[in-house]
Amino acid sequence: MHARKRLMFEHSDAFVALPGGIGTLEELVEQLTWQQLGRHSKPVLLANIDGFWEPLLALIAHMRATQFIRPTLSVDILQAERVEDILPRLQAAAANAPEGTAALTPEMARRL
């Protein structure tokens, strides 16, 4: 799993979590953690088809409300409720990335 996640990280411009199981959740949480720690600024998107990820989003809100996620730490998760919204949301995130964001170069934005 570690080798797979390393390859995924090295070759990805963004991360999309489709509805899935424990492995999907583990991969997603690792990317969110790395994003929080400043290891990357690549977009992370939940394909929240039929509200699949709502329990996770509620848990993250609960963690923030109970201060287990510090106010100074962001949890930047894009969402798409429909499959056809995934690419437009990622493209918009790439277009709105701050100037000089290494993880979202113009080349990466074009590839999205």
PDB file of N, CA and C in Angstrom:
ATOM      1  N   MET A   1       0.833  -1.196   0.000  1.00  0.00           N
ATOM      2  CA  MET A   1       0.000   0.000   0.000  1.00  0.00           C
ATOM      3  C   MET A   1       0.875   1.256   0.000  1.00  0.00           C
ATOM      4  N   HIS A   2       1.980   1.226   0.768  1.00  0.00           N
ATOM      5  CA  HIS A   2       2.836   2.409   0.840  1.00  0.00           C
ATOM      6  C   HIS A   2       3.454   2.731  -0.520  1.00  0.00           C
ATOM      7  N   ALA A   3       3.923   1.715  -1.223  1.00  0.00           N
ATOM      8  CA  ALA A   3       4.537   1.937  -2.537  1.00  0.00           C
ATOM      9  C   ALA A   3       3.502   2.481  -3.518  1.00  0.00           C
ATOM     10  N   ARG A   4       2.305   1.936  -3.462  1.00  0.00           N
ATOM     11  CA  ARG A   4       1.227   2.392  -4.347  1.00  0.00           C
ATOM     12  C   ARG A   4       0.888   3.852  -4.082  1.00  0.00           C
ATOM     13  N   LYS A   5       0.776   4.225  -2.815  1.00  0.00           N
ATOM     14  CA  LYS A   5       0.438   5.609  -2.468  1.00  0.00           C
ATOM     15  C   LYS A   5       1.555   6.568  -2.861  1.00  0.00           C
ATOM     16  N   ARG A   6       2.786   6.130  -2.731  1.00  0.00           N
ATOM     17  CA  ARG A   6       3.909   6.975  -3.133  1.00  0.00           C
ATOM     18  C   ARG A   6       3.856   7.256  -4.632  1.00  0.00           C
ATOM     19  N   LEU A   7       3.625   6.208  -5.419  1.00  0.00           N
ATOM     20  CA  LEU A   7       3.507   6.385  -6.872  1.00  0.00           C
ATOM     21  C   LEU A   7       2.331   7.284  -7.224  1.00  0.00           C
ATOM     22  N   MET A   8       1.213   7.054  -6.551  1.00  0.00           N
ATOM     23  CA  MET A   8       0.031   7.855  -6.794  1.00  0.00           C
ATOM     24  C   MET A   8       0.335   9.325  -6.509  1.00  0.00           C
ATOM     25  N   PHE A   9       1.009   9.593  -5.404  1.00  0.00           N
ATOM     26  CA  PHE A   9       1.338  10.957  -5.042  1.00  0.00           C
ATOM     27  C   PHE A   9       2.285  11.586  -6.059  1.00  0.00           C
ATOM     28  N   GLU A  10       3.319  10.857  -6.446  1.00  0.00           N
ATOM     29  CA  GLU A  10       4.328  11.396  -7.356  1.00  0.00           C
ATOM     30  C   GLU A  10       3.787  11.673  -8.756  1.00  0.00           C
ATOM     31  N   HIS A  11       2.787  10.913  -9.186  1.00  0.00           N
ATOM     32  CA  HIS A  11       2.294  11.028 -10.559  1.00  0.00           C
ATOM     33  C   HIS A  11       0.943  11.726 -10.670  1.00  0.00           C
ATOM     34  N   SER A  12       0.435  12.250  -9.576  1.00  0.00           N
ATOM     35  CA  SER A  12      -0.893  12.866  -9.587  1.00  0.00           C
ATOM     36  C   SER A  12      -0.805  14.376  -9.509  1.00  0.00           C
ATOM     37  N   ASP A  13      -1.716  15.022 -10.205  1.00  0.00           N
ATOM     38  CA  ASP A  13      -1.859  16.474 -10.118  1.00  0.00           C
ATOM     39  C   ASP A  13      -3.001  16.844  -9.174  1.00  0.00           C
ATOM     40  N   ALA A  14      -3.861  15.875  -8.894  1.00  0.00           N
ATOM     41  CA  ALA A  14      -5.008  16.071  -8.013  1.00  0.00           C
ATOM     42  C   ALA A  14      -5.432  14.690  -7.517  1.00  0.00           C
ATOM     43  N   PHE A  15      -6.281  14.690  -6.492  1.00  0.00           N
ATOM     44  CA  PHE A  15      -6.768  13.427  -5.934  1.00  0.00           C
ATOM     45  C   PHE A  15      -8.287  13.459  -5.903  1.00  0.00           C
ATOM     46  N   VAL A  16      -8.897  12.399  -6.410  1.00  0.00           N
ATOM     47  CA  VAL A  16     -10.349  12.276  -6.427  1.00  0.00           C
ATOM     48  C   VAL A  16     -10.705  10.988  -5.701  1.00  0.00           C
ATOM     49  N   ALA A  17     -11.516  11.114  -4.666  1.00  0.00           N
ATOM     50  CA  ALA A  17     -11.980   9.945  -3.926  1.00  0.00           C
ATOM     51  C   ALA A  17     -13.400   9.629  -4.377  1.00  0.00           C
ATOM     52  N   LEU A  18     -13.532   8.547  -5.098  1.00  0.00           N
ATOM     53  CA  LEU A  18     -14.852   8.036  -5.469  1.00  0.00           C
ATOM     54  C   LEU A  18     -15.407   7.291  -4.269  1.00  0.00           C
ATOM     55  N   PRO A  19     -16.707   7.024  -4.238  1.00  0.00           N
ATOM     56  CA  PRO A  19     -17.215   6.184  -3.161  1.00  0.00           C
ATOM     57  C   PRO A  19     -16.413   4.884  -3.119  1.00  0.00           C
ATOM     58  N   GLY A  20     -16.008   4.489  -1.926  1.00  0.00           N
ATOM     59  CA  GLY A  20     -15.162   3.310  -1.808  1.00  0.00           C
ATOM     60  C   GLY A  20     -15.114   2.804  -0.380  1.00  0.00           C
ATOM     61  N   GLY A  21     -14.118   1.957  -0.150  1.00  0.00           N
ATOM     62  CA  GLY A  21     -13.985   1.300   1.138  1.00  0.00           C
ATOM     63  C   GLY A  21     -12.841   1.856   1.970  1.00  0.00           C
ATOM     64  N   ILE A  22     -12.343   1.013   2.848  1.00  0.00           N
ATOM     65  CA  ILE A  22     -11.311   1.404   3.803  1.00  0.00           C
ATOM     66  C   ILE A  22     -10.037   1.873   3.097  1.00  0.00           C
ATOM     67  N   GLY A  23      -9.628   1.193   2.027  1.00  0.00           N
ATOM     68  CA  GLY A  23      -8.428   1.599   1.303  1.00  0.00           C
ATOM     69  C   GLY A  23      -8.566   2.985   0.715  1.00  0.00           C
ATOM     70  N   THR A  24      -9.726   3.278   0.152  1.00  0.00           N
ATOM     71  CA  THR A  24      -9.989   4.612  -0.402  1.00  0.00           C
ATOM     72  C   THR A  24      -9.932   5.659   0.703  1.00  0.00           C
ATOM     73  N   LEU A  25     -10.547   5.348   1.821  1.00  0.00           N
ATOM     74  CA  LEU A  25     -10.546   6.274   2.955  1.00  0.00           C
ATOM     75  C   LEU A  25      -9.119   6.522   3.443  1.00  0.00           C
ATOM     76  N   GLU A  26      -8.328   5.472   3.520  1.00  0.00           N
ATOM     77  CA  GLU A  26      -6.946   5.587   4.001  1.00  0.00           C
ATOM     78  C   GLU A  26      -6.121   6.465   3.058  1.00  0.00           C
ATOM     79  N   GLU A  27      -6.278   6.261   1.751  1.00  0.00           N
ATOM     80  CA  GLU A  27      -5.558   7.075   0.767  1.00  0.00           C
ATOM     81  C   GLU A  27      -5.988   8.544   0.853  1.00  0.00           C
ATOM     82  N   LEU A  28      -7.276   8.759   0.994  1.00  0.00           N
ATOM     83  CA  LEU A  28      -7.818  10.108   1.091  1.00  0.00           C
ATOM     84  C   LEU A  28      -7.278  10.831   2.320  1.00  0.00           C
ATOM     85  N   VAL A  29      -7.342  10.178   3.457  1.00  0.00           N
ATOM     86  CA  VAL A  29      -6.903  10.808   4.700  1.00  0.00           C
ATOM     87  C   VAL A  29      -5.410  11.119   4.652  1.00  0.00           C
ATOM     88  N   GLU A  30      -4.627  10.264   4.038  1.00  0.00           N
ATOM     89  CA  GLU A  30      -3.197  10.552   3.923  1.00  0.00           C
ATOM     90  C   GLU A  30      -2.963  11.818   3.099  1.00  0.00           C
ATOM     91  N   GLN A  31      -3.668  11.966   1.990  1.00  0.00           N
ATOM     92  CA  GLN A  31      -3.485  13.159   1.163  1.00  0.00           C
ATOM     93  C   GLN A  31      -3.961  14.411   1.885  1.00  0.00           C
ATOM     94  N   LEU A  32      -5.051  14.305   2.642  1.00  0.00           N
ATOM     95  CA  LEU A  32      -5.517  15.450   3.421  1.00  0.00           C
ATOM     96  C   LEU A  32      -4.501  15.817   4.498  1.00  0.00           C
ATOM     97  N   THR A  33      -3.914  14.818   5.124  1.00  0.00           N
ATOM     98  CA  THR A  33      -2.902  15.067   6.146  1.00  0.00           C
ATOM     99  C   THR A  33      -1.678  15.728   5.540  1.00  0.00           C
ATOM    100  N   TRP A  34      -1.215  15.214   4.415  1.00  0.00           N
ATOM    101  CA  TRP A  34      -0.046  15.810   3.750  1.00  0.00           C
ATOM    102  C   TRP A  34      -0.345  17.233   3.306  1.00  0.00           C
ATOM    103  N   GLN A  35      -1.575  17.470   2.869  1.00  0.00           N
ATOM    104  CA  GLN A  35      -1.980  18.828   2.482  1.00  0.00           C
ATOM    105  C   GLN A  35      -1.917  19.752   3.697  1.00  0.00           C
ATOM    106  N   GLN A  36      -2.436  19.276   4.827  1.00  0.00           N
ATOM    107  CA  GLN A  36      -2.421  20.059   6.065  1.00  0.00           C
ATOM    108  C   GLN A  36      -0.999  20.380   6.506  1.00  0.00           C
ATOM    109  N   LEU A  37      -0.102  19.427   6.336  1.00  0.00           N
ATOM    110  CA  LEU A  37       1.290  19.598   6.752  1.00  0.00           C
ATOM    111  C   LEU A  37       2.112  20.394   5.741  1.00  0.00           C
ATOM    112  N   GLY A  38       1.495  20.778   4.624  1.00  0.00           N
ATOM    113  CA  GLY A  38       2.186  21.562   3.622  1.00  0.00           C
ATOM    114  C   GLY A  38       3.063  20.754   2.682  1.00  0.00           C
ATOM    115  N   ARG A  39       2.880  19.445   2.633  1.00  0.00           N
ATOM    116  CA  ARG A  39       3.679  18.617   1.735  1.00  0.00           C
ATOM    117  C   ARG A  39       3.217  18.735   0.291  1.00  0.00           C
ATOM    118  N   HIS A  40       1.984  19.166   0.081  1.00  0.00           N
ATOM    119  CA  HIS A  40       1.487  19.421  -1.268  1.00  0.00           C
ATOM    120  C   HIS A  40       0.324  20.402  -1.193  1.00  0.00           C
ATOM    121  N   SER A  41       0.003  20.973  -2.354  1.00  0.00           N
ATOM    122  CA  SER A  41      -1.167  21.853  -2.451  1.00  0.00           C
ATOM    123  C   SER A  41      -2.057  21.403  -3.614  1.00  0.00           C
ATOM    124  N   LYS A  42      -1.988  20.120  -3.903  1.00  0.00           N
ATOM    125  CA  LYS A  42      -2.805  19.555  -4.976  1.00  0.00           C
ATOM    126  C   LYS A  42      -4.260  19.491  -4.517  1.00  0.00           C
ATOM    127  N   PRO A  43      -5.194  19.693  -5.433  1.00  0.00           N
ATOM    128  CA  PRO A  43      -6.603  19.606  -5.041  1.00  0.00           C
ATOM    129  C   PRO A  43      -6.988  18.190  -4.614  1.00  0.00           C
ATOM    130  N   VAL A  44      -7.856  18.128  -3.613  1.00  0.00           N
ATOM    131  CA  VAL A  44      -8.425  16.868  -3.138  1.00  0.00           C
ATOM    132  C   VAL A  44      -9.935  17.014  -3.278  1.00  0.00           C
ATOM    133  N   LEU A  45     -10.552  16.090  -4.004  1.00  0.00           N
ATOM    134  CA  LEU A  45     -11.981  16.197  -4.291  1.00  0.00           C
ATOM    135  C   LEU A  45     -12.692  14.920  -3.881  1.00  0.00           C
ATOM    136  N   LEU A  46     -13.818  15.084  -3.229  1.00  0.00           N
ATOM    137  CA  LEU A  46     -14.699  13.961  -2.913  1.00  0.00           C
ATOM    138  C   LEU A  46     -15.793  13.894  -3.965  1.00  0.00           C
ATOM    139  N   ALA A  47     -15.916  12.755  -4.608  1.00  0.00           N
ATOM    140  CA  ALA A  47     -17.050  12.513  -5.496  1.00  0.00           C
ATOM    141  C   ALA A  47     -18.187  12.062  -4.580  1.00  0.00           C
ATOM    142  N   ASN A  48     -18.939  13.024  -4.117  1.00  0.00           N
ATOM    143  CA  ASN A  48     -19.960  12.786  -3.100  1.00  0.00           C
ATOM    144  C   ASN A  48     -21.277  12.348  -3.751  1.00  0.00           C
ATOM    145  N   ILE A  49     -21.172  11.298  -4.526  1.00  0.00           N
ATOM    146  CA  ILE A  49     -22.312  10.786  -5.281  1.00  0.00           C
ATOM    147  C   ILE A  49     -23.353  10.220  -4.303  1.00  0.00           C
ATOM    148  N   ASP A  50     -24.588  10.669  -4.455  1.00  0.00           N
ATOM    149  CA  ASP A  50     -25.687  10.254  -3.573  1.00  0.00           C
ATOM    150  C   ASP A  50     -25.355  10.458  -2.100  1.00  0.00           C
ATOM    151  N   GLY A  51     -24.533  11.485  -1.808  1.00  0.00           N
ATOM    152  CA  GLY A  51     -24.210  11.809  -0.417  1.00  0.00           C
ATOM    153  C   GLY A  51     -23.308  10.806   0.275  1.00  0.00           C
ATOM    154  N   PHE A  52     -22.590   9.997  -0.504  1.00  0.00           N
ATOM    155  CA  PHE A  52     -21.770   8.925   0.079  1.00  0.00           C
ATOM    156  C   PHE A  52     -20.823   9.421   1.161  1.00  0.00           C
ATOM    157  N   TRP A  53     -20.171  10.570   0.945  1.00  0.00           N
ATOM    158  CA  TRP A  53     -19.154  11.053   1.875  1.00  0.00           C
ATOM    159  C   TRP A  53     -19.717  11.955   2.971  1.00  0.00           C
ATOM    160  N   GLU A  54     -21.021  12.136   3.054  1.00  0.00           N
ATOM    161  CA  GLU A  54     -21.602  13.005   4.086  1.00  0.00           C
ATOM    162  C   GLU A  54     -21.193  12.619   5.504  1.00  0.00           C
ATOM    163  N   PRO A  55     -21.169  11.328   5.863  1.00  0.00           N
ATOM    164  CA  PRO A  55     -20.716  10.986   7.229  1.00  0.00           C
ATOM    165  C   PRO A  55     -19.273  11.437   7.497  1.00  0.00           C
ATOM    166  N   LEU A  56     -18.389  11.336   6.514  1.00  0.00           N
ATOM    167  CA  LEU A  56     -17.011  11.794   6.698  1.00  0.00           C
ATOM    168  C   LEU A  56     -16.979  13.309   6.852  1.00  0.00           C
ATOM    169  N   LEU A  57     -17.729  14.022   6.030  1.00  0.00           N
ATOM    170  CA  LEU A  57     -17.762  15.479   6.134  1.00  0.00           C
ATOM    171  C   LEU A  57     -18.312  15.915   7.493  1.00  0.00           C
ATOM    172  N   ALA A  58     -19.301  15.189   8.008  1.00  0.00           N
ATOM    173  CA  ALA A  58     -19.841  15.485   9.338  1.00  0.00           C
ATOM    174  C   ALA A  58     -18.787  15.222  10.417  1.00  0.00           C
ATOM    175  N   LEU A  59     -18.011  14.154  10.246  1.00  0.00           N
ATOM    176  CA  LEU A  59     -16.949  13.848  11.203  1.00  0.00           C
ATOM    177  C   LEU A  59     -15.882  14.943  11.199  1.00  0.00           C
ATOM    178  N   ILE A  60     -15.504  15.409  10.022  1.00  0.00           N
ATOM    179  CA  ILE A  60     -14.505  16.482   9.937  1.00  0.00           C
ATOM    180  C   ILE A  60     -15.043  17.750  10.600  1.00  0.00           C
ATOM    181  N   ALA A  61     -16.305  18.063  10.375  1.00  0.00           N
ATOM    182  CA  ALA A  61     -16.920  19.225  11.029  1.00  0.00           C
ATOM    183  C   ALA A  61     -16.917  19.040  12.549  1.00  0.00           C
ATOM    184  N   HIS A  62     -17.192  17.834  13.008  1.00  0.00           N
ATOM    185  CA  HIS A  62     -17.174  17.524  14.447  1.00  0.00           C
ATOM    186  C   HIS A  62     -15.757  17.681  15.010  1.00  0.00           C
ATOM    187  N   MET A  63     -14.763  17.199  14.281  1.00  0.00           N
ATOM    188  CA  MET A  63     -13.369  17.345  14.724  1.00  0.00           C
ATOM    189  C   MET A  63     -12.997  18.818  14.868  1.00  0.00           C
ATOM    190  N   ARG A  64     -13.447  19.633  13.913  1.00  0.00           N
ATOM    191  CA  ARG A  64     -13.154  21.063  13.986  1.00  0.00           C
ATOM    192  C   ARG A  64     -13.914  21.695  15.161  1.00  0.00           C
ATOM    193  N   ALA A  65     -15.189  21.348  15.332  1.00  0.00           N
ATOM    194  CA  ALA A  65     -16.001  21.924  16.408  1.00  0.00           C
ATOM    195  C   ALA A  65     -15.459  21.571  17.786  1.00  0.00           C
ATOM    196  N   THR A  66     -14.881  20.395  17.914  1.00  0.00           N
ATOM    197  CA  THR A  66     -14.324  19.970  19.203  1.00  0.00           C
ATOM    198  C   THR A  66     -12.838  20.300  19.313  1.00  0.00           C
ATOM    199  N   GLN A  67     -12.337  21.069  18.355  1.00  0.00           N
ATOM    200  CA  GLN A  67     -10.977  21.598  18.325  1.00  0.00           C
ATOM    201  C   GLN A  67      -9.892  20.531  18.217  1.00  0.00           C
ATOM    202  N   PHE A  68     -10.231  19.394  17.602  1.00  0.00           N
ATOM    203  CA  PHE A  68      -9.203  18.407  17.286  1.00  0.00           C
ATOM    204  C   PHE A  68      -8.547  18.739  15.952  1.00  0.00           C
ATOM    205  N   ILE A  69      -9.177  19.621  15.191  1.00  0.00           N
ATOM    206  CA  ILE A  69      -8.538  20.247  14.035  1.00  0.00           C
ATOM    207  C   ILE A  69      -8.404  21.707  14.419  1.00  0.00           C
ATOM    208  N   ARG A  70      -7.178  22.144  14.569  1.00  0.00           N
ATOM    209  CA  ARG A  70      -6.924  23.519  15.002  1.00  0.00           C
ATOM    210  C   ARG A  70      -7.468  24.522  13.983  1.00  0.00           C
ATOM    211  N   PRO A  71      -7.952  25.651  14.456  1.00  0.00           N
ATOM    212  CA  PRO A  71      -8.484  26.671  13.546  1.00  0.00           C
ATOM    213  C   PRO A  71      -7.468  27.133  12.510  1.00  0.00           C
ATOM    214  N   THR A  72      -6.191  27.047  12.822  1.00  0.00           N
ATOM    215  CA  THR A  72      -5.158  27.507  11.888  1.00  0.00           C
ATOM    216  C   THR A  72      -4.855  26.487  10.802  1.00  0.00           C
ATOM    217  N   LEU A  73      -5.368  25.256  10.947  1.00  0.00           N
ATOM    218  CA  LEU A  73      -5.126  24.219   9.948  1.00  0.00           C
ATOM    219  C   LEU A  73      -6.345  24.087   9.046  1.00  0.00           C
ATOM    220  N   SER A  74      -6.103  24.206   7.754  1.00  0.00           N
ATOM    221  CA  SER A  74      -7.227  24.084   6.830  1.00  0.00           C
ATOM    222  C   SER A  74      -7.382  22.626   6.401  1.00  0.00           C
ATOM    223  N   VAL A  75      -8.600  22.283   6.088  1.00  0.00           N
ATOM    224  CA  VAL A  75      -8.930  21.000   5.478  1.00  0.00           C
ATOM    225  C   VAL A  75      -9.660  21.365   4.204  1.00  0.00           C
ATOM    226  N   ASP A  76      -8.907  21.404   3.110  1.00  0.00           N
ATOM    227  CA  ASP A  76      -9.462  21.863   1.838  1.00  0.00           C
ATOM    228  C   ASP A  76      -9.934  20.676   1.018  1.00  0.00           C
ATOM    229  N   ILE A  77     -11.237  20.482   1.020  1.00  0.00           N
ATOM    230  CA  ILE A  77     -11.824  19.369   0.272  1.00  0.00           C
ATOM    231  C   ILE A  77     -12.835  19.933  -0.713  1.00  0.00           C
ATOM    232  N   LEU A  78     -12.580  19.681  -1.977  1.00  0.00           N
ATOM    233  CA  LEU A  78     -13.556  20.019  -3.000  1.00  0.00           C
ATOM    234  C   LEU A  78     -14.610  18.923  -3.025  1.00  0.00           C
ATOM    235  N   GLN A  79     -15.788  19.253  -3.519  1.00  0.00           N
ATOM    236  CA  GLN A  79     -16.844  18.252  -3.622  1.00  0.00           C
ATOM    237  C   GLN A  79     -17.531  18.344  -4.979  1.00  0.00           C
ATOM    238  N   ALA A  80     -17.945  17.195  -5.450  1.00  0.00           N
ATOM    239  CA  ALA A  80     -18.768  17.115  -6.657  1.00  0.00           C
ATOM    240  C   ALA A  80     -19.859  16.088  -6.381  1.00  0.00           C
ATOM    241  N   GLU A  81     -21.084  16.483  -6.589  1.00  0.00           N
ATOM    242  CA  GLU A  81     -22.205  15.582  -6.353  1.00  0.00           C
ATOM    243  C   GLU A  81     -22.518  14.728  -7.577  1.00  0.00           C
ATOM    244  N   ARG A  82     -21.994  15.173  -8.733  1.00  0.00           N
ATOM    245  CA  ARG A  82     -22.215  14.431  -9.967  1.00  0.00           C
ATOM    246  C   ARG A  82     -20.866  14.188 -10.641  1.00  0.00           C
ATOM    247  N   VAL A  83     -20.736  13.053 -11.309  1.00  0.00           N
ATOM    248  CA  VAL A  83     -19.487  12.699 -11.978  1.00  0.00           C
ATOM    249  C   VAL A  83     -19.078  13.786 -12.963  1.00  0.00           C
ATOM    250  N   GLU A  84     -20.035  14.325 -13.705  1.00  0.00           N
ATOM    251  CA  GLU A  84     -19.711  15.324 -14.719  1.00  0.00           C
ATOM    252  C   GLU A  84     -19.208  16.644 -14.128  1.00  0.00           C
ATOM    253  N   ASP A  85     -19.319  16.817 -12.821  1.00  0.00           N
ATOM    254  CA  ASP A  85     -18.827  18.033 -12.173  1.00  0.00           C
ATOM    255  C   ASP A  85     -17.379  17.906 -11.687  1.00  0.00           C
ATOM    256  N   ILE A  86     -16.817  16.707 -11.725  1.00  0.00           N
ATOM    257  CA  ILE A  86     -15.484  16.492 -11.170  1.00  0.00           C
ATOM    258  C   ILE A  86     -14.426  17.313 -11.909  1.00  0.00           C
ATOM    259  N   LEU A  87     -14.308  17.135 -13.215  1.00  0.00           N
ATOM    260  CA  LEU A  87     -13.268  17.860 -13.965  1.00  0.00           C
ATOM    261  C   LEU A  87     -13.444  19.373 -13.910  1.00  0.00           C
ATOM    262  N   PRO A  88     -14.656  19.907 -14.091  1.00  0.00           N
ATOM    263  CA  PRO A  88     -14.795  21.367 -13.972  1.00  0.00           C
ATOM    264  C   PRO A  88     -14.357  21.896 -12.612  1.00  0.00           C
ATOM    265  N   ARG A  89     -14.648  21.176 -11.534  1.00  0.00           N
ATOM    266  CA  ARG A  89     -14.229  21.632 -10.196  1.00  0.00           C
ATOM    267  C   ARG A  89     -12.705  21.608 -10.068  1.00  0.00           C
ATOM    268  N   LEU A  90     -12.069  20.560 -10.601  1.00  0.00           N
ATOM    269  CA  LEU A  90     -10.609  20.478 -10.547  1.00  0.00           C
ATOM    270  C   LEU A  90      -9.975  21.574 -11.411  1.00  0.00           C
ATOM    271  N   GLN A  91     -10.551  21.813 -12.579  1.00  0.00           N
ATOM    272  CA  GLN A  91     -10.024  22.868 -13.453  1.00  0.00           C
ATOM    273  C   GLN A  91     -10.166  24.237 -12.801  1.00  0.00           C
ATOM    274  N   ALA A  92     -11.287  24.474 -12.137  1.00  0.00           N
ATOM    275  CA  ALA A  92     -11.486  25.749 -11.445  1.00  0.00           C
ATOM    276  C   ALA A  92     -10.483  25.900 -10.306  1.00  0.00           C
ATOM    277  N   ALA A  93     -10.218  24.818  -9.591  1.00  0.00           N
ATOM    278  CA  ALA A  93      -9.236  24.872  -8.505  1.00  0.00           C
ATOM    279  C   ALA A  93      -7.853  25.180  -9.054  1.00  0.00           C
ATOM    280  N   ALA A  94      -7.502  24.579 -10.174  1.00  0.00           N
ATOM    281  CA  ALA A  94      -6.198  24.830 -10.786  1.00  0.00           C
ATOM    282  C   ALA A  94      -6.108  26.279 -11.254  1.00  0.00           C
ATOM    283  N   ALA A  95      -7.180  26.798 -11.817  1.00  0.00           N
ATOM    284  CA  ALA A  95      -7.184  28.171 -12.320  1.00  0.00           C
ATOM    285  C   ALA A  95      -7.105  29.190 -11.185  1.00  0.00           C
ATOM    286  N   ASN A  96      -7.630  28.833 -10.017  1.00  0.00           N
ATOM    287  CA  ASN A  96      -7.649  29.750  -8.871  1.00  0.00           C
ATOM    288  C   ASN A  96      -6.480  29.565  -7.922  1.00  0.00           C
ATOM    289  N   ALA A  97      -5.551  28.684  -8.260  1.00  0.00           N
ATOM    290  CA  ALA A  97      -4.401  28.441  -7.387  1.00  0.00           C
ATOM    291  C   ALA A  97      -3.562  29.708  -7.294  1.00  0.00           C
ATOM    292  N   PRO A  98      -3.021  29.984  -6.117  1.00  0.00           N
ATOM    293  CA  PRO A  98      -2.164  31.162  -5.961  1.00  0.00           C
ATOM    294  C   PRO A  98      -0.967  31.106  -6.896  1.00  0.00           C
ATOM    295  N   GLU A  99      -0.523  32.258  -7.330  1.00  0.00           N
ATOM    296  CA  GLU A  99       0.651  32.353  -8.202  1.00  0.00           C
ATOM    297  C   GLU A  99       1.837  31.688  -7.518  1.00  0.00           C
ATOM    298  N   GLY A 100       2.562  30.894  -8.289  1.00  0.00           N
ATOM    299  CA  GLY A 100       3.753  30.247  -7.750  1.00  0.00           C
ATOM    300  C   GLY A 100       3.480  28.960  -6.995  1.00  0.00           C
ATOM    301  N   THR A 101       2.254  28.463  -7.024  1.00  0.00           N
ATOM    302  CA  THR A 101       1.950  27.208  -6.359  1.00  0.00           C
ATOM    303  C   THR A 101       2.560  26.078  -7.168  1.00  0.00           C
ATOM    304  N   ALA A 102       3.586  25.483  -6.624  1.00  0.00           N
ATOM    305  CA  ALA A 102       4.358  24.484  -7.375  1.00  0.00           C
ATOM    306  C   ALA A 102       3.516  23.288  -7.787  1.00  0.00           C
ATOM    307  N   ALA A 103       2.579  22.890  -6.968  1.00  0.00           N
ATOM    308  CA  ALA A 103       1.818  21.680  -7.268  1.00  0.00           C
ATOM    309  C   ALA A 103       0.755  21.911  -8.331  1.00  0.00           C
ATOM    310  N   LEU A 104       0.473  23.156  -8.682  1.00  0.00           N
ATOM    311  CA  LEU A 104      -0.559  23.446  -9.675  1.00  0.00           C
ATOM    312  C   LEU A 104       0.013  24.371 -10.746  1.00  0.00           C
ATOM    313  N   THR A 105       0.991  23.887 -11.461  1.00  0.00           N
ATOM    314  CA  THR A 105       1.599  24.669 -12.521  1.00  0.00           C
ATOM    315  C   THR A 105       0.627  24.789 -13.691  1.00  0.00           C
ATOM    316  N   PRO A 106       0.872  25.727 -14.614  1.00  0.00           N
ATOM    317  CA  PRO A 106       0.006  25.816 -15.792  1.00  0.00           C
ATOM    318  C   PRO A 106      -0.062  24.499 -16.563  1.00  0.00           C
ATOM    319  N   GLU A 107       1.038  23.781 -16.619  1.00  0.00           N
ATOM    320  CA  GLU A 107       1.042  22.469 -17.298  1.00  0.00           C
ATOM    321  C   GLU A 107       0.052  21.513 -16.624  1.00  0.00           C
ATOM    322  N   MET A 108       0.050  21.487 -15.303  1.00  0.00           N
ATOM    323  CA  MET A 108      -0.885  20.615 -14.591  1.00  0.00           C
ATOM    324  C   MET A 108      -2.322  21.050 -14.845  1.00  0.00           C
ATOM    325  N   ALA A 109      -2.560  22.353 -14.856  1.00  0.00           N
ATOM    326  CA  ALA A 109      -3.907  22.846 -15.121  1.00  0.00           C
ATOM    327  C   ALA A 109      -4.375  22.421 -16.491  1.00  0.00           C
ATOM    328  N   ARG A 110      -3.473  22.473 -17.494  1.00  0.00           N
ATOM    329  CA  ARG A 110      -3.841  22.014 -18.838  1.00  0.00           C
ATOM    330  C   ARG A 110      -4.153  20.528 -18.841  1.00  0.00           C
ATOM    331  N   ARG A 111      -3.383  19.741 -18.103  1.00  0.00           N
ATOM    332  CA  ARG A 111      -3.622  18.285 -18.078  1.00  0.00           C
ATOM    333  C   ARG A 111      -4.944  17.953 -17.406  1.00  0.00           C
ATOM    334  N   LEU A 112      -5.410  18.792 -16.479  1.00  0.00           N
ATOM    335  CA  LEU A 112      -6.701  18.558 -15.854  1.00  0.00           C
ATOM    336  C   LEU A 112      -7.783  18.815 -16.882  1.00  0.00           C
TER     337      LEU A 112
END
